[in-house]
Amino acid sequence: MNSTDQPRPFLGLITALESETKAFDRGKPIAQGHFQRREFDCAQGRVVCLQCGPGPERSLAAARELVAEGAGALLCAGVAGGIDGRCECGELLISEDVQLVHEGAPLAVPQERPGLAESALRLLAGSRFRFRAGILLTTATPLLDLSERERWHTLTGASAVDTESAGVALAAMEARIPFLAARAVCDSIKRPVSKAMLAACDNGAAGSVRGLVRAILRRPSLLGDFWRAGRDYSKALDTLRNARKALFQACFEAMTDPDRERSEADAPNAPGPEEPIQ
């Protein structure tokens, strides 16, 4: 078999929401299996994306499906809520550690290739958005209460919270393949989703447009809350789009050149941006 017959590297990408998926590929989904699926090429090889919906159990199932198909690395990407005071909307957090809230306590998920975060930071250098490494916390349901976010940050040191990354990390640990999570902050301790907006969404029949319109008519100031939340969410999606190339490259390098990644992990002071361009 010559070099042209060798299969191209295959990266498994896990997202939860349609908007997150479209930050990486805007093609039409393939009707196949339990999850919405997209397949596309990047400069380094083939990417297969499964959009799993929210929750660590769903992300674990989707990631295991990609592993069974032969994925050489797993990338979990999307938006997250900031839970430390440093987080700003639109900032990208690269996982240096992932913890799962299990039975009320944080459980760290070991990573097969700890140097992958340093590789991603190296490739992101010069980006026109804020980025840094940090601990990601995964919960079964969105962590929206501000006091609860502060409590979990104090307990774990986590920078952001999502509902999928730990599930994908568990699948990668089982398969002993590289894993990376990248999360763009869509709301933060400084700019949280307002309680009034959350109440309007709850009372709006889980997203019913008619219910939300009624809530806004009763309280017009909610319109400003929704506008600000939409702007912050769009900023986070822009960050994911702009980080796409570097994230893919880091993952493919981990598959094809693991020695480079290990050397970066062993470096005493791996270089990383302290003050990225805002």
C-alpha atoms as a PDB file:
ATOM      1  CA  MET A   1       0.000   0.000   0.000  1.00  0.00           C
ATOM      2  CA  ASN A   2       1.508   3.377  -0.960  1.00  0.00           C
ATOM      3  CA  SER A   3       1.158   6.629   0.990  1.00  0.00           C
ATOM      4  CA  THR A   4      -1.835   7.763  -1.058  1.00  0.00           C
ATOM      5  CA  ASP A   5      -3.757   4.668   0.066  1.00  0.00           C
ATOM      6  CA  GLN A   6      -3.298   5.373   3.781  1.00  0.00           C
ATOM      7  CA  PRO A   7      -6.505   6.513   5.561  1.00  0.00           C
ATOM      8  CA  ARG A   8      -6.492  10.166   6.522  1.00  0.00           C
ATOM      9  CA  PRO A   9      -6.540  11.053  10.222  1.00  0.00           C
ATOM     10  CA  PHE A  10     -10.044  11.193  11.662  1.00  0.00           C
ATOM     11  CA  LEU A  11     -10.952  13.697  14.394  1.00  0.00           C
ATOM     12  CA  GLY A  12     -14.146  13.249  16.381  1.00  0.00           C
ATOM     13  CA  LEU A  13     -15.862  16.550  17.260  1.00  0.00           C
ATOM     14  CA  ILE A  14     -18.658  16.682  19.852  1.00  0.00           C
ATOM     15  CA  THR A  15     -21.022  19.652  20.135  1.00  0.00           C
ATOM     16  CA  ALA A  16     -24.315  20.021  21.970  1.00  0.00           C
ATOM     17  CA  LEU A  17     -26.204  22.724  20.085  1.00  0.00           C
ATOM     18  CA  GLU A  18     -26.888  23.578  16.444  1.00  0.00           C
ATOM     19  CA  SER A  19     -25.314  27.020  16.814  1.00  0.00           C
ATOM     20  CA  GLU A  20     -22.119  25.471  18.198  1.00  0.00           C
ATOM     21  CA  THR A  21     -21.979  22.968  15.350  1.00  0.00           C
ATOM     22  CA  LYS A  22     -22.350  25.707  12.738  1.00  0.00           C
ATOM     23  CA  ALA A  23     -19.377  27.545  14.234  1.00  0.00           C
ATOM     24  CA  PHE A  24     -17.280  24.666  12.850  1.00  0.00           C
ATOM     25  CA  ASP A  25     -19.213  23.603   9.762  1.00  0.00           C
ATOM     26  CA  ARG A  26     -22.288  25.043   8.049  1.00  0.00           C
ATOM     27  CA  GLY A  27     -22.997  22.047   5.826  1.00  0.00           C
ATOM     28  CA  LYS A  28     -26.166  20.014   5.932  1.00  0.00           C
ATOM     29  CA  PRO A  29     -26.398  17.312   8.596  1.00  0.00           C
ATOM     30  CA  ILE A  30     -26.497  13.636   7.667  1.00  0.00           C
ATOM     31  CA  ALA A  31     -29.508  11.650   8.877  1.00  0.00           C
ATOM     32  CA  GLN A  32     -27.690   8.743  10.474  1.00  0.00           C
ATOM     33  CA  GLY A  33     -27.747   7.169  13.942  1.00  0.00           C
ATOM     34  CA  HIS A  34     -28.976   8.718  17.168  1.00  0.00           C
ATOM     35  CA  PHE A  35     -27.183  12.052  16.750  1.00  0.00           C
ATOM     36  CA  GLN A  36     -27.130  14.766  14.128  1.00  0.00           C
ATOM     37  CA  ARG A  37     -23.980  14.171  12.105  1.00  0.00           C
ATOM     38  CA  ARG A  38     -21.717  16.205   9.850  1.00  0.00           C
ATOM     39  CA  GLU A  39     -18.566  15.154   8.013  1.00  0.00           C
ATOM     40  CA  PHE A  40     -16.108  17.596   6.482  1.00  0.00           C
ATOM     41  CA  ASP A  41     -12.447  18.045   5.650  1.00  0.00           C
ATOM     42  CA  CYS A  42      -9.925  20.453   7.105  1.00  0.00           C
ATOM     43  CA  ALA A  43      -6.284  20.996   6.127  1.00  0.00           C
ATOM     44  CA  GLN A  44      -5.050  18.127   8.313  1.00  0.00           C
ATOM     45  CA  GLY A  45      -7.698  15.475   7.650  1.00  0.00           C
ATOM     46  CA  ARG A  46     -11.292  14.395   8.101  1.00  0.00           C
ATOM     47  CA  VAL A  47     -13.580  15.633  10.882  1.00  0.00           C
ATOM     48  CA  VAL A  48     -16.729  13.837  11.960  1.00  0.00           C
ATOM     49  CA  CYS A  49     -19.023  15.915  14.165  1.00  0.00           C
ATOM     50  CA  LEU A  50     -21.848  14.538  16.293  1.00  0.00           C
ATOM     51  CA  GLN A  51     -24.293  17.010  17.794  1.00  0.00           C
ATOM     52  CA  CYS A  52     -25.392  15.220  20.931  1.00  0.00           C
ATOM     53  CA  GLY A  53     -27.593  17.673  22.822  1.00  0.00           C
ATOM     54  CA  PRO A  54     -26.928  18.715  26.432  1.00  0.00           C
ATOM     55  CA  GLY A  55     -25.771  16.416  29.207  1.00  0.00           C
ATOM     56  CA  PRO A  56     -22.719  14.279  30.048  1.00  0.00           C
ATOM     57  CA  GLU A  57     -24.521  10.990  29.387  1.00  0.00           C
ATOM     58  CA  ARG A  58     -25.392  12.048  25.840  1.00  0.00           C
ATOM     59  CA  SER A  59     -21.885  13.369  25.161  1.00  0.00           C
ATOM     60  CA  LEU A  60     -20.372  10.133  26.496  1.00  0.00           C
ATOM     61  CA  ALA A  61     -22.596   8.067  24.190  1.00  0.00           C
ATOM     62  CA  ALA A  62     -21.748  10.215  21.162  1.00  0.00           C
ATOM     63  CA  ALA A  63     -18.028  10.124  21.918  1.00  0.00           C
ATOM     64  CA  ARG A  64     -18.071   6.350  22.314  1.00  0.00           C
ATOM     65  CA  GLU A  65     -19.798   6.108  18.933  1.00  0.00           C
ATOM     66  CA  LEU A  66     -16.991   8.109  17.310  1.00  0.00           C
ATOM     67  CA  VAL A  67     -14.353   5.996  19.058  1.00  0.00           C
ATOM     68  CA  ALA A  68     -16.024   2.843  17.732  1.00  0.00           C
ATOM     69  CA  GLU A  69     -15.779   4.298  14.213  1.00  0.00           C
ATOM     70  CA  GLY A  70     -12.041   4.829  14.641  1.00  0.00           C
ATOM     71  CA  ALA A  71     -11.591   8.415  15.812  1.00  0.00           C
ATOM     72  CA  GLY A  72      -7.949   9.121  16.651  1.00  0.00           C
ATOM     73  CA  ALA A  73      -8.722  12.058  18.961  1.00  0.00           C
ATOM     74  CA  LEU A  74     -11.767  13.739  20.478  1.00  0.00           C
ATOM     75  CA  LEU A  75     -12.530  17.455  20.639  1.00  0.00           C
ATOM     76  CA  CYS A  76     -15.457  18.769  22.690  1.00  0.00           C
ATOM     77  CA  ALA A  77     -16.247  22.364  21.791  1.00  0.00           C
ATOM     78  CA  GLY A  78     -18.981  24.879  22.439  1.00  0.00           C
ATOM     79  CA  VAL A  79     -20.031  27.598  24.842  1.00  0.00           C
ATOM     80  CA  ALA A  80     -19.827  27.615  28.635  1.00  0.00           C
ATOM     81  CA  GLY A  81     -20.668  29.743  31.640  1.00  0.00           C
ATOM     82  CA  GLY A  82     -17.840  31.493  33.437  1.00  0.00           C
ATOM     83  CA  ILE A  83     -17.574  30.756  37.152  1.00  0.00           C
ATOM     84  CA  ASP A  84     -14.427  32.603  38.144  1.00  0.00           C
ATOM     85  CA  GLY A  85     -14.042  36.358  38.359  1.00  0.00           C
ATOM     86  CA  ARG A  86     -11.485  36.465  35.541  1.00  0.00           C
ATOM     87  CA  CYS A  87     -13.818  35.127  32.855  1.00  0.00           C
ATOM     88  CA  GLU A  88     -15.094  37.519  30.215  1.00  0.00           C
ATOM     89  CA  CYS A  89     -17.707  36.876  27.556  1.00  0.00           C
ATOM     90  CA  GLY A  90     -16.054  35.769  24.324  1.00  0.00           C
ATOM     91  CA  GLU A  91     -12.973  34.392  26.086  1.00  0.00           C
ATOM     92  CA  LEU A  92     -11.818  30.903  25.068  1.00  0.00           C
ATOM     93  CA  LEU A  93     -10.929  28.386  27.773  1.00  0.00           C
ATOM     94  CA  ILE A  94      -8.755  25.395  26.908  1.00  0.00           C
ATOM     95  CA  SER A  95      -9.041  22.405  29.226  1.00  0.00           C
ATOM     96  CA  GLU A  96      -5.994  21.739  31.367  1.00  0.00           C
ATOM     97  CA  ASP A  97      -8.221  19.564  33.568  1.00  0.00           C
ATOM     98  CA  VAL A  98     -11.844  18.398  33.413  1.00  0.00           C
ATOM     99  CA  GLN A  99     -13.943  17.576  36.467  1.00  0.00           C
ATOM    100  CA  LEU A 100     -17.370  15.934  36.610  1.00  0.00           C
ATOM    101  CA  VAL A 101     -19.851  16.655  39.386  1.00  0.00           C
ATOM    102  CA  HIS A 102     -20.810  13.142  40.466  1.00  0.00           C
ATOM    103  CA  GLU A 103     -23.095  12.514  43.452  1.00  0.00           C
ATOM    104  CA  GLY A 104     -22.497  16.046  44.674  1.00  0.00           C
ATOM    105  CA  ALA A 105     -18.689  15.917  44.543  1.00  0.00           C
ATOM    106  CA  PRO A 106     -16.135  16.796  41.839  1.00  0.00           C
ATOM    107  CA  LEU A 107     -14.423  13.886  40.107  1.00  0.00           C
ATOM    108  CA  ALA A 108     -11.311  14.579  38.021  1.00  0.00           C
ATOM    109  CA  VAL A 109     -11.130  12.771  34.661  1.00  0.00           C
ATOM    110  CA  PRO A 110      -7.534  11.783  33.780  1.00  0.00           C
ATOM    111  CA  GLN A 111      -6.345  12.768  30.304  1.00  0.00           C
ATOM    112  CA  GLU A 112      -4.260  10.539  28.058  1.00  0.00           C
ATOM    113  CA  ARG A 113      -2.259  13.426  26.541  1.00  0.00           C
ATOM    114  CA  PRO A 114      -1.969  16.312  29.048  1.00  0.00           C
ATOM    115  CA  GLY A 115       0.259  18.286  26.676  1.00  0.00           C
ATOM    116  CA  LEU A 116      -2.556  18.899  24.212  1.00  0.00           C
ATOM    117  CA  ALA A 117      -3.685  22.054  26.023  1.00  0.00           C
ATOM    118  CA  GLU A 118      -0.197  23.536  25.664  1.00  0.00           C
ATOM    119  CA  SER A 119      -0.205  22.686  21.955  1.00  0.00           C
ATOM    120  CA  ALA A 120      -3.517  24.486  21.504  1.00  0.00           C
ATOM    121  CA  LEU A 121      -2.277  27.558  23.371  1.00  0.00           C
ATOM    122  CA  ARG A 122       0.827  27.653  21.166  1.00  0.00           C
ATOM    123  CA  LEU A 123      -1.261  27.534  17.998  1.00  0.00           C
ATOM    124  CA  LEU A 124      -3.696  30.166  19.283  1.00  0.00           C
ATOM    125  CA  ALA A 125      -0.899  32.694  19.851  1.00  0.00           C
ATOM    126  CA  GLY A 126      -1.670  35.937  18.043  1.00  0.00           C
ATOM    127  CA  SER A 127      -5.443  35.418  18.044  1.00  0.00           C
ATOM    128  CA  ARG A 128      -7.559  38.535  18.336  1.00  0.00           C
ATOM    129  CA  PHE A 129      -9.566  37.193  21.267  1.00  0.00           C
ATOM    130  CA  ARG A 130      -8.756  36.346  24.866  1.00  0.00           C
ATOM    131  CA  PHE A 131      -7.775  32.757  25.616  1.00  0.00           C
ATOM    132  CA  ARG A 132      -6.155  30.779  28.399  1.00  0.00           C
ATOM    133  CA  ALA A 133      -5.995  27.320  29.948  1.00  0.00           C
ATOM    134  CA  GLY A 134      -8.198  26.453  32.884  1.00  0.00           C
ATOM    135  CA  ILE A 135     -10.206  23.799  34.679  1.00  0.00           C
ATOM    136  CA  LEU A 136     -13.591  22.935  33.180  1.00  0.00           C
ATOM    137  CA  LEU A 137     -16.421  21.666  35.377  1.00  0.00           C
ATOM    138  CA  THR A 138     -19.205  19.496  33.944  1.00  0.00           C
ATOM    139  CA  THR A 139     -22.625  19.261  35.579  1.00  0.00           C
ATOM    140  CA  ALA A 140     -25.664  17.208  34.587  1.00  0.00           C
ATOM    141  CA  THR A 141     -27.803  20.335  34.120  1.00  0.00           C
ATOM    142  CA  PRO A 142     -26.828  23.977  33.455  1.00  0.00           C
ATOM    143  CA  LEU A 143     -25.420  25.738  36.520  1.00  0.00           C
ATOM    144  CA  LEU A 144     -27.269  29.056  36.355  1.00  0.00           C
ATOM    145  CA  ASP A 145     -27.466  30.216  39.970  1.00  0.00           C
ATOM    146  CA  LEU A 146     -24.742  32.787  40.631  1.00  0.00           C
ATOM    147  CA  SER A 147     -24.086  31.694  44.223  1.00  0.00           C
ATOM    148  CA  GLU A 148     -23.787  28.068  43.107  1.00  0.00           C
ATOM    149  CA  ARG A 149     -21.262  29.038  40.436  1.00  0.00           C
ATOM    150  CA  GLU A 150     -19.179  30.866  43.019  1.00  0.00           C
ATOM    151  CA  ARG A 151     -19.385  27.897  45.408  1.00  0.00           C
ATOM    152  CA  TRP A 152     -18.207  25.410  42.779  1.00  0.00           C
ATOM    153  CA  HIS A 153     -15.389  27.692  41.707  1.00  0.00           C
ATOM    154  CA  THR A 154     -14.208  27.931  45.315  1.00  0.00           C
ATOM    155  CA  LEU A 155     -14.458  24.148  45.717  1.00  0.00           C
ATOM    156  CA  THR A 156     -12.759  23.125  42.451  1.00  0.00           C
ATOM    157  CA  GLY A 157     -10.848  26.105  41.093  1.00  0.00           C
ATOM    158  CA  ALA A 158     -12.754  25.677  37.817  1.00  0.00           C
ATOM    159  CA  SER A 159     -12.958  28.602  35.422  1.00  0.00           C
ATOM    160  CA  ALA A 160     -16.098  27.592  33.510  1.00  0.00           C
ATOM    161  CA  VAL A 161     -18.964  25.121  33.601  1.00  0.00           C
ATOM    162  CA  ASP A 162     -20.637  23.108  30.830  1.00  0.00           C
ATOM    163  CA  THR A 163     -22.677  19.922  30.537  1.00  0.00           C
ATOM    164  CA  GLU A 164     -20.678  17.842  28.013  1.00  0.00           C
ATOM    165  CA  SER A 165     -16.889  17.992  28.333  1.00  0.00           C
ATOM    166  CA  ALA A 166     -16.447  15.364  31.051  1.00  0.00           C
ATOM    167  CA  GLY A 167     -18.519  12.831  29.119  1.00  0.00           C
ATOM    168  CA  VAL A 168     -16.219  13.170  26.109  1.00  0.00           C
ATOM    169  CA  ALA A 169     -13.149  13.098  28.367  1.00  0.00           C
ATOM    170  CA  LEU A 170     -14.353   9.800  29.874  1.00  0.00           C
ATOM    171  CA  ALA A 171     -14.697   8.229  26.405  1.00  0.00           C
ATOM    172  CA  ALA A 172     -11.198   9.418  25.465  1.00  0.00           C
ATOM    173  CA  MET A 173      -9.796   8.011  28.718  1.00  0.00           C
ATOM    174  CA  GLU A 174     -11.413   4.640  28.010  1.00  0.00           C
ATOM    175  CA  ALA A 175      -9.967   4.555  24.492  1.00  0.00           C
ATOM    176  CA  ARG A 176      -6.613   6.078  25.551  1.00  0.00           C
ATOM    177  CA  ILE A 177      -6.705   8.678  22.787  1.00  0.00           C
ATOM    178  CA  PRO A 178      -6.018  12.451  22.885  1.00  0.00           C
ATOM    179  CA  PHE A 179      -8.780  14.702  24.202  1.00  0.00           C
ATOM    180  CA  LEU A 180      -9.266  18.450  24.191  1.00  0.00           C
ATOM    181  CA  ALA A 181     -12.131  20.638  25.370  1.00  0.00           C
ATOM    182  CA  ALA A 182     -12.448  24.240  24.177  1.00  0.00           C
ATOM    183  CA  ARG A 183     -15.179  26.456  25.609  1.00  0.00           C
ATOM    184  CA  ALA A 184     -16.062  30.033  24.709  1.00  0.00           C
ATOM    185  CA  VAL A 185     -17.626  31.948  27.602  1.00  0.00           C
ATOM    186  CA  CYS A 186     -21.156  33.161  26.820  1.00  0.00           C
ATOM    187  CA  ASP A 187     -22.048  34.487  30.277  1.00  0.00           C
ATOM    188  CA  SER A 188     -19.910  35.224  33.305  1.00  0.00           C
ATOM    189  CA  ILE A 189     -19.901  36.179  36.968  1.00  0.00           C
ATOM    190  CA  LYS A 190     -19.525  39.778  35.804  1.00  0.00           C
ATOM    191  CA  ARG A 191     -22.274  39.478  33.171  1.00  0.00           C
ATOM    192  CA  PRO A 192     -24.642  36.714  34.326  1.00  0.00           C
ATOM    193  CA  VAL A 193     -27.983  35.847  32.789  1.00  0.00           C
ATOM    194  CA  SER A 194     -30.509  37.858  34.804  1.00  0.00           C
ATOM    195  CA  LYS A 195     -32.887  36.084  37.174  1.00  0.00           C
ATOM    196  CA  ALA A 196     -35.800  37.852  35.489  1.00  0.00           C
ATOM    197  CA  MET A 197     -34.754  36.447  32.122  1.00  0.00           C
ATOM    198  CA  LEU A 198     -34.399  32.941  33.536  1.00  0.00           C
ATOM    199  CA  ALA A 199     -37.829  33.207  35.114  1.00  0.00           C
ATOM    200  CA  ALA A 200     -39.312  34.401  31.823  1.00  0.00           C
ATOM    201  CA  CYS A 201     -37.805  31.410  30.019  1.00  0.00           C
ATOM    202  CA  ASP A 202     -39.122  29.006  32.674  1.00  0.00           C
ATOM    203  CA  ASN A 203     -42.586  30.536  32.545  1.00  0.00           C
ATOM    204  CA  GLY A 204     -42.514  30.607  28.752  1.00  0.00           C
ATOM    205  CA  ALA A 205     -43.240  26.905  28.399  1.00  0.00           C
ATOM    206  CA  ALA A 206     -39.598  25.893  27.948  1.00  0.00           C
ATOM    207  CA  GLY A 207     -38.906  28.260  25.090  1.00  0.00           C
ATOM    208  CA  SER A 208     -42.397  28.902  23.747  1.00  0.00           C
ATOM    209  CA  VAL A 209     -42.164  32.064  21.649  1.00  0.00           C
ATOM    210  CA  ARG A 210     -45.684  33.099  22.648  1.00  0.00           C
ATOM    211  CA  GLY A 211     -44.849  32.692  26.341  1.00  0.00           C
ATOM    212  CA  LEU A 212     -41.684  34.769  26.013  1.00  0.00           C
ATOM    213  CA  VAL A 213     -43.523  37.515  24.141  1.00  0.00           C
ATOM    214  CA  ARG A 214     -46.105  37.684  26.916  1.00  0.00           C
ATOM    215  CA  ALA A 215     -43.319  37.952  29.510  1.00  0.00           C
ATOM    216  CA  ILE A 216     -41.658  40.808  27.605  1.00  0.00           C
ATOM    217  CA  LEU A 217     -44.959  42.657  27.237  1.00  0.00           C
ATOM    218  CA  ARG A 218     -45.457  42.413  30.987  1.00  0.00           C
ATOM    219  CA  ARG A 219     -41.877  43.519  31.661  1.00  0.00           C
ATOM    220  CA  PRO A 220     -40.384  45.480  28.716  1.00  0.00           C
ATOM    221  CA  SER A 221     -36.964  45.734  30.404  1.00  0.00           C
ATOM    222  CA  LEU A 222     -36.525  42.017  29.598  1.00  0.00           C
ATOM    223  CA  LEU A 223     -35.967  42.989  25.981  1.00  0.00           C
ATOM    224  CA  GLY A 224     -32.665  44.557  26.977  1.00  0.00           C
ATOM    225  CA  ASP A 225     -31.708  41.426  28.933  1.00  0.00           C
ATOM    226  CA  PHE A 226     -32.383  39.217  25.907  1.00  0.00           C
ATOM    227  CA  TRP A 227     -30.465  41.575  23.617  1.00  0.00           C
ATOM    228  CA  ARG A 228     -27.405  41.572  25.897  1.00  0.00           C
ATOM    229  CA  ALA A 229     -27.515  37.794  26.301  1.00  0.00           C
ATOM    230  CA  GLY A 230     -27.795  37.360  22.527  1.00  0.00           C
ATOM    231  CA  ARG A 231     -24.854  39.680  21.923  1.00  0.00           C
ATOM    232  CA  ASP A 232     -22.671  37.807  24.426  1.00  0.00           C
ATOM    233  CA  TYR A 233     -23.673  34.457  22.943  1.00  0.00           C
ATOM    234  CA  SER A 234     -22.839  35.667  19.428  1.00  0.00           C
ATOM    235  CA  LYS A 235     -19.449  36.861  20.660  1.00  0.00           C
ATOM    236  CA  ALA A 236     -18.745  33.396  22.062  1.00  0.00           C
ATOM    237  CA  LEU A 237     -19.698  31.765  18.747  1.00  0.00           C
ATOM    238  CA  ASP A 238     -17.397  34.170  16.881  1.00  0.00           C
ATOM    239  CA  THR A 239     -14.554  33.037  19.131  1.00  0.00           C
ATOM    240  CA  LEU A 240     -15.229  29.384  18.290  1.00  0.00           C
ATOM    241  CA  ARG A 241     -15.242  30.164  14.562  1.00  0.00           C
ATOM    242  CA  ASN A 242     -11.955  32.027  14.822  1.00  0.00           C
ATOM    243  CA  ALA A 243     -10.347  29.277  16.949  1.00  0.00           C
ATOM    244  CA  ARG A 244     -11.441  26.463  14.631  1.00  0.00           C
ATOM    245  CA  LYS A 245      -8.223  26.130  12.633  1.00  0.00           C
ATOM    246  CA  ALA A 246      -5.890  26.126  15.644  1.00  0.00           C
ATOM    247  CA  LEU A 247      -8.027  23.628  17.598  1.00  0.00           C
ATOM    248  CA  PHE A 248      -8.154  21.202  14.685  1.00  0.00           C
ATOM    249  CA  GLN A 249      -4.414  21.507  14.087  1.00  0.00           C
ATOM    250  CA  ALA A 250      -3.592  20.827  17.749  1.00  0.00           C
ATOM    251  CA  CYS A 251      -5.731  17.677  17.762  1.00  0.00           C
ATOM    252  CA  PHE A 252      -4.305  16.326  14.506  1.00  0.00           C
ATOM    253  CA  GLU A 253      -0.761  16.997  15.720  1.00  0.00           C
ATOM    254  CA  ALA A 254      -1.535  14.946  18.833  1.00  0.00           C
ATOM    255  CA  MET A 255      -2.627  12.053  16.610  1.00  0.00           C
ATOM    256  CA  THR A 256       0.259  12.169  14.166  1.00  0.00           C
ATOM    257  CA  ASP A 257       3.132  13.559  16.261  1.00  0.00           C
ATOM    258  CA  PRO A 258       2.555  12.580  19.916  1.00  0.00           C
ATOM    259  CA  ASP A 259       6.243  13.052  20.844  1.00  0.00           C
ATOM    260  CA  ARG A 260       5.998  16.815  20.257  1.00  0.00           C
ATOM    261  CA  GLU A 261       2.981  17.028  22.534  1.00  0.00           C
ATOM    262  CA  ARG A 262       4.657  15.030  25.294  1.00  0.00           C
ATOM    263  CA  SER A 263       7.707  17.286  25.171  1.00  0.00           C
ATOM    264  CA  GLU A 264       5.504  20.339  25.618  1.00  0.00           C
ATOM    265  CA  ALA A 265       3.758  18.706  28.577  1.00  0.00           C
ATOM    266  CA  ASP A 266       7.129  17.931  30.193  1.00  0.00           C
ATOM    267  CA  ALA A 267       8.487  21.456  29.686  1.00  0.00           C
ATOM    268  CA  PRO A 268       8.852  23.225  33.071  1.00  0.00           C
ATOM    269  CA  ASN A 269       7.417  26.463  31.775  1.00  0.00           C
ATOM    270  CA  ALA A 270       5.441  25.841  28.625  1.00  0.00           C
ATOM    271  CA  PRO A 271       4.912  29.166  26.828  1.00  0.00           C
ATOM    272  CA  GLY A 272       1.419  30.604  26.870  1.00  0.00           C
ATOM    273  CA  PRO A 273      -0.085  34.007  26.262  1.00  0.00           C
ATOM    274  CA  GLU A 274      -0.549  36.105  29.371  1.00  0.00           C
ATOM    275  CA  GLU A 275      -2.371  39.013  27.755  1.00  0.00           C
ATOM    276  CA  PRO A 276      -3.882  38.046  24.371  1.00  0.00           C
ATOM    277  CA  ILE A 277      -5.135  40.805  22.128  1.00  0.00           C
ATOM    278  CA  GLN A 278      -8.628  41.851  23.132  1.00  0.00           C
END
